[in-house]
Amino acid sequence: MPTKRKPSYLRHKTTGQARVRIDGRDHYLGPYGSPESRERYDDLIAEWFAKGDVGNYKMMVDHLAILFVEHAESYYRKNGQPTAEVCSIRHALRSLVAMFGSTRVRDFGPRKLKAVRQFLIDARNCRTNINRMVGRIKRMFRWGVENEYVPAAAHTALTAVAGLRAGRTEARESEPVTPVEEGTVSDTLPHLTTTVAQMVRLQMLTGARPAEVCAIRPGDITLQTDGVWCYRPASHKTQHRGRERRIYIGPEGQAVLRPFLDRDPEAFSSLLRKLRPRGTPSESWTGRRR
């Protein structure tokens, strides 16, 4: 069944207004390019996608995917940037849309979900990654139920599809991630710049993540009563769960870090600022960069 084409955000040359034509009718949105016009456009498109769905659930899977990715781009954010979860969601939905994009959400059931999963198995994805991708597809349908795009029974049926178990599937297993041998690290250090080598040493001494070492500021470090330093990263992996991250630095780590603390308490060093991880480039849910 053919799918509807998303109406474009357009400029009305005579008035300079933004407009969108939906079902043969022009809707004027405000000054072209303004945040208000973009917000109004998004609202109208969401209404258009959902039109006639309540009670009938006529929405197609690809339409639901577009809306869910737009939701993810605003929901999964940290420090003003989309998190890696947004890219993971796009990746998980790509095979779903390619196979069943023109299927109505009410007709997408466990057998179709298992067909997507088998495609991922045949594509040589590892078992744990397949389970994560299938979980994201289920999450999209749960979000659809929450917003009345998907009948509750459809999501309930999808939850019956269990995750792949080790040793009970043809999906390949991933290689275990093991620590780099200390000898390899020692052999590598002489080939690094002084600052990067010290960052590696600090990681080894504290167990901090690379991004946390890159983001150290003097103001984030406090002195404990026992002489141990406590580093509280302003941003960390479990921040969205309301948890505080504490990294304790002993005498050896203090000796490594001390030369880099002679600067403004809120400042990153010049090299560390360059090394700080930035937000992931924005992509459409089909994988194309914008």
Protein backbone atom coordinates (compact mmCIF):
# COMPACT_ATOMS: atom_id res chain seq x y z
CA MET A 1 0.00 0.00 0.00
CA PRO A 2 1.51 3.41 -0.94
CA THR A 3 2.36 5.76 1.89
CA LYS A 4 1.53 9.43 2.22
CA ARG A 5 4.30 11.88 1.45
CA LYS A 6 5.11 14.29 4.26
CA PRO A 7 4.07 17.86 3.27
CA SER A 8 7.03 20.23 2.93
CA TYR A 9 7.84 23.34 4.93
CA LEU A 10 7.60 26.11 2.31
CA ARG A 11 8.10 29.85 1.93
CA HIS A 12 5.33 32.07 0.57
CA LYS A 13 7.34 34.50 -1.59
CA THR A 14 4.82 37.36 -1.53
CA THR A 15 4.38 37.59 2.25
CA GLY A 16 7.58 35.96 3.52
CA GLN A 17 5.43 33.63 5.60
CA ALA A 18 6.14 29.95 6.13
CA ARG A 19 3.39 27.69 4.89
CA VAL A 20 2.48 24.05 4.50
CA ARG A 21 -0.15 22.56 2.20
CA ILE A 22 -2.13 19.74 3.80
CA ASP A 23 -4.93 18.01 1.92
CA GLY A 24 -5.10 20.87 -0.59
CA ARG A 25 -5.28 23.63 2.03
CA ASP A 26 -2.50 26.11 2.81
CA HIS A 27 -1.68 26.75 6.45
CA TYR A 28 0.35 29.89 7.21
CA LEU A 29 2.75 29.43 10.09
CA GLY A 30 4.42 32.78 10.77
CA PRO A 31 7.72 34.30 9.57
CA TYR A 32 9.67 31.81 7.44
CA GLY A 33 12.50 30.16 9.37
CA SER A 34 11.30 31.32 12.79
CA PRO A 35 11.18 28.86 15.71
CA GLU A 36 7.48 29.55 16.11
CA SER A 37 6.75 28.60 12.51
CA ARG A 38 8.79 25.40 12.84
CA GLU A 39 6.91 24.45 16.00
CA ARG A 40 3.55 25.12 14.35
CA TYR A 41 4.65 23.05 11.33
CA ASP A 42 5.65 20.12 13.54
CA ASP A 43 2.30 20.25 15.35
CA LEU A 44 0.33 20.25 12.09
CA ILE A 45 2.35 17.37 10.64
CA ALA A 46 1.85 15.31 13.80
CA GLU A 47 -1.89 15.97 13.61
CA TRP A 48 -1.90 15.08 9.91
CA PHE A 49 -0.09 11.78 10.52
CA ALA A 50 -2.53 10.87 13.27
CA LYS A 51 -5.64 12.06 11.43
CA GLY A 52 -8.31 9.42 11.52
CA ASP A 53 -6.19 7.05 13.60
CA VAL A 54 -7.92 7.33 16.97
CA GLY A 55 -10.12 4.26 17.26
CA ASN A 56 -9.14 3.07 13.77
CA TYR A 57 -5.32 3.19 14.03
CA LYS A 58 -4.70 3.76 10.34
CA MET A 59 -1.18 5.07 10.82
CA MET A 60 1.60 3.29 8.92
CA VAL A 61 4.72 1.95 10.62
CA ASP A 62 6.99 4.39 8.75
CA HIS A 63 4.86 7.35 9.93
CA LEU A 64 5.11 6.13 13.51
CA ALA A 65 8.88 5.79 13.09
CA ILE A 66 9.20 9.41 11.95
CA LEU A 67 7.22 10.67 14.93
CA PHE A 68 9.15 8.49 17.37
CA VAL A 69 12.54 9.67 16.08
CA GLU A 70 11.39 13.29 16.37
CA HIS A 71 10.40 12.53 19.96
CA ALA A 72 13.76 10.83 20.60
CA GLU A 73 15.69 13.83 19.29
CA SER A 74 14.09 16.06 21.92
CA TYR A 75 13.94 13.49 24.74
CA TYR A 76 17.36 11.81 24.63
CA ARG A 77 19.55 14.86 25.17
CA LYS A 78 22.42 15.78 27.45
CA ASN A 79 24.07 19.18 27.71
CA GLY A 80 21.98 20.43 24.81
CA GLN A 81 23.10 17.66 22.44
CA PRO A 82 21.34 14.45 21.31
CA THR A 83 22.80 11.38 22.98
CA ALA A 84 24.03 8.28 21.16
CA GLU A 85 20.65 6.66 21.87
CA VAL A 86 19.10 8.71 19.06
CA CYS A 87 21.47 7.17 16.50
CA SER A 88 20.83 3.73 17.98
CA ILE A 89 17.08 4.20 17.57
CA ARG A 90 17.47 5.24 13.94
CA HIS A 91 19.65 2.20 13.31
CA ALA A 92 17.12 -0.13 14.93
CA LEU A 93 14.19 1.28 12.94
CA ARG A 94 15.94 1.22 9.57
CA SER A 95 15.33 -2.50 8.90
CA LEU A 96 11.81 -2.29 10.34
CA VAL A 97 10.82 0.51 7.95
CA ALA A 98 12.50 -1.17 4.95
CA MET A 99 10.50 -4.36 5.53
CA PHE A 100 7.19 -3.17 6.98
CA GLY A 101 7.05 0.61 6.54
CA SER A 102 3.74 0.45 4.63
CA THR A 103 2.10 -1.85 7.20
CA ARG A 104 -0.54 -0.33 9.47
CA VAL A 105 0.56 -0.21 13.10
CA ARG A 106 -2.50 -2.21 14.13
CA ASP A 107 -1.40 -5.05 11.82
CA PHE A 108 2.21 -5.27 13.01
CA GLY A 109 2.42 -8.29 15.27
CA PRO A 110 4.89 -10.78 16.74
CA ARG A 111 5.45 -12.70 13.49
CA LYS A 112 6.48 -9.52 11.66
CA LEU A 113 8.73 -8.52 14.54
CA LYS A 114 10.38 -11.94 14.44
CA ALA A 115 10.86 -11.51 10.67
CA VAL A 116 12.77 -8.26 11.34
CA ARG A 117 14.80 -10.06 13.98
CA GLN A 118 15.65 -12.88 11.54
CA PHE A 119 16.81 -10.30 9.02
CA LEU A 120 19.15 -8.88 11.67
CA ILE A 121 20.43 -12.39 12.43
CA ASP A 122 21.07 -13.06 8.73
CA ALA A 123 22.93 -9.73 8.52
CA ARG A 124 25.39 -11.13 11.11
CA ASN A 125 24.53 -8.77 13.93
CA CYS A 126 25.51 -10.15 17.33
CA ARG A 127 22.86 -11.57 19.65
CA THR A 128 23.04 -8.87 22.33
CA ASN A 129 22.83 -6.08 19.77
CA ILE A 130 19.82 -7.73 18.12
CA ASN A 131 18.06 -7.89 21.48
CA ARG A 132 18.75 -4.18 22.02
CA MET A 133 17.42 -3.25 18.56
CA VAL A 134 14.27 -5.32 18.99
CA GLY A 135 13.81 -3.69 22.40
CA ARG A 136 13.91 -0.25 20.78
CA ILE A 137 11.25 -1.30 18.27
CA LYS A 138 9.04 -2.45 21.15
CA ARG A 139 9.73 0.86 22.90
CA MET A 140 8.49 2.74 19.83
CA PHE A 141 5.20 0.83 19.89
CA ARG A 142 4.84 1.46 23.63
CA TRP A 143 5.31 5.17 22.96
CA GLY A 144 2.71 4.85 20.20
CA VAL A 145 0.21 3.40 22.68
CA GLU A 146 0.94 6.24 25.10
CA ASN A 147 0.13 8.78 22.36
CA GLU A 148 -2.88 6.86 20.98
CA TYR A 149 -1.25 6.04 17.65
CA VAL A 150 -1.13 2.28 18.38
CA PRO A 151 -3.77 0.00 19.93
CA ALA A 152 -2.68 -1.32 23.31
CA ALA A 153 -3.21 -4.90 22.15
CA ALA A 154 -0.55 -4.49 19.44
CA HIS A 155 2.15 -3.56 21.93
CA THR A 156 1.04 -6.24 24.38
CA ALA A 157 1.40 -8.85 21.63
CA LEU A 158 4.93 -7.65 20.79
CA THR A 159 6.03 -8.09 24.41
CA ALA A 160 5.44 -11.82 23.98
CA VAL A 161 8.50 -11.98 21.70
CA ALA A 162 11.27 -13.03 24.08
CA GLY A 163 14.89 -12.01 23.73
CA LEU A 164 17.40 -14.33 22.11
CA ARG A 165 19.17 -16.59 24.62
CA ALA A 166 22.84 -17.53 24.45
CA GLY A 167 23.32 -21.00 23.01
CA ARG A 168 19.71 -21.20 21.81
CA THR A 169 19.88 -19.15 18.63
CA GLU A 170 21.81 -19.04 15.40
CA ALA A 171 22.75 -15.41 16.06
CA ARG A 172 26.47 -14.99 16.57
CA GLU A 173 27.90 -14.10 19.96
CA SER A 174 30.04 -11.01 20.41
CA GLU A 175 33.62 -11.29 21.57
CA PRO A 176 34.01 -10.43 25.27
CA VAL A 177 35.46 -6.99 25.94
CA THR A 178 38.56 -7.40 28.08
CA PRO A 179 40.96 -4.80 29.55
CA VAL A 180 43.98 -3.81 27.51
CA GLU A 181 47.04 -5.52 28.91
CA GLU A 182 49.16 -3.25 31.08
CA GLY A 183 52.24 -4.08 29.03
CA THR A 184 50.52 -2.85 25.87
CA VAL A 185 49.62 0.42 27.59
CA SER A 186 53.20 0.88 28.85
CA ASP A 187 54.58 0.29 25.35
CA THR A 188 52.16 2.84 23.91
CA LEU A 189 52.73 5.69 26.39
CA PRO A 190 56.12 6.82 24.95
CA HIS A 191 54.45 7.40 21.57
CA LEU A 192 51.80 9.76 23.00
CA THR A 193 52.04 13.46 23.69
CA THR A 194 52.74 14.35 27.31
CA THR A 195 49.18 15.43 28.08
CA VAL A 196 47.51 12.43 26.43
CA ALA A 197 49.93 10.07 28.17
CA GLN A 198 49.04 11.62 31.52
CA MET A 199 45.35 11.25 30.72
CA VAL A 200 45.90 7.53 30.11
CA ARG A 201 47.81 7.19 33.37
CA LEU A 202 45.01 8.94 35.26
CA GLN A 203 42.46 6.54 33.76
CA MET A 204 44.52 3.56 34.89
CA LEU A 205 44.81 4.95 38.42
CA THR A 206 41.16 5.96 38.88
CA GLY A 207 39.01 3.85 36.55
CA ALA A 208 37.49 7.02 35.09
CA ARG A 209 35.89 6.93 31.65
CA PRO A 210 37.73 8.70 28.79
CA ALA A 211 35.05 11.39 28.51
CA GLU A 212 35.31 12.08 32.24
CA VAL A 213 39.07 12.56 32.03
CA CYS A 214 38.60 14.92 29.08
CA ALA A 215 36.07 16.98 31.03
CA ILE A 216 38.03 17.59 34.26
CA ARG A 217 37.88 21.15 35.58
CA PRO A 218 39.63 22.33 38.76
CA GLY A 219 36.27 23.36 40.22
CA ASP A 220 34.98 19.79 39.95
CA ILE A 221 37.61 18.49 42.40
CA THR A 222 37.30 18.68 46.18
CA LEU A 223 39.68 17.61 48.95
CA GLN A 224 38.49 14.86 51.29
CA THR A 225 39.48 14.86 54.98
CA ASP A 226 41.76 11.86 54.43
CA GLY A 227 43.77 13.66 51.74
CA VAL A 228 42.03 11.90 48.86
CA TRP A 229 40.66 14.10 46.07
CA CYS A 230 37.08 13.59 44.92
CA TYR A 231 36.21 14.42 41.31
CA ARG A 232 32.51 14.94 40.55
CA PRO A 233 31.99 15.17 36.77
CA ALA A 234 29.44 17.78 35.77
CA SER A 235 28.14 15.35 33.16
CA HIS A 236 28.29 11.56 33.20
CA LYS A 237 26.69 8.42 31.79
CA THR A 238 24.03 7.91 34.48
CA GLN A 239 23.23 11.60 34.99
CA HIS A 240 19.69 11.18 33.61
CA ARG A 241 18.94 8.73 36.43
CA GLY A 242 19.59 11.41 39.04
CA ARG A 243 22.79 9.77 40.28
CA GLU A 244 25.97 11.54 41.33
CA ARG A 245 29.25 10.24 39.96
CA ARG A 246 32.27 10.35 42.29
CA ILE A 247 35.81 9.44 41.24
CA TYR A 248 38.40 9.28 44.00
CA ILE A 249 42.00 10.27 43.25
CA GLY A 250 44.85 9.12 45.46
CA PRO A 251 48.42 10.43 45.76
CA GLU A 252 49.66 8.95 42.46
CA GLY A 253 46.71 10.34 40.54
CA GLN A 254 47.10 13.71 42.26
CA ALA A 255 50.70 13.89 41.09
CA VAL A 256 49.56 13.24 37.52
CA LEU A 257 46.75 15.79 37.63
CA ARG A 258 48.33 18.61 39.68
CA PRO A 259 50.20 20.32 36.77
CA PHE A 260 46.90 20.77 34.90
CA LEU A 261 44.98 22.46 37.71
CA ASP A 262 46.66 25.87 37.60
CA ARG A 263 43.87 27.59 35.68
CA ASP A 264 40.38 29.03 36.15
CA PRO A 265 38.22 26.65 38.26
CA GLU A 266 35.58 26.45 35.51
CA ALA A 267 38.00 26.17 32.57
CA PHE A 268 39.17 23.19 30.58
CA SER A 269 42.80 23.13 29.54
CA SER A 270 43.41 24.02 25.87
CA LEU A 271 44.22 20.45 24.85
CA LEU A 272 41.54 18.83 26.98
CA ARG A 273 38.96 21.19 25.48
CA LYS A 274 39.89 19.97 22.01
CA LEU A 275 39.61 16.36 23.13
CA ARG A 276 36.20 16.68 24.79
CA PRO A 277 33.60 14.54 23.00
CA ARG A 278 31.05 16.53 21.05
CA GLY A 279 27.46 15.79 20.15
CA THR A 280 26.74 13.21 17.47
CA PRO A 281 26.00 14.78 14.07
CA SER A 282 22.29 15.02 13.42
CA GLU A 283 20.95 12.41 11.02
CA SER A 284 17.58 11.57 9.68
CA TRP A 285 16.08 8.31 10.89
CA THR A 286 16.99 6.79 7.53
CA GLY A 287 20.64 7.46 8.29
CA ARG A 288 21.25 10.48 6.06
CA ARG A 289 23.10 13.44 7.57
CA ARG A 290 21.29 16.75 7.64
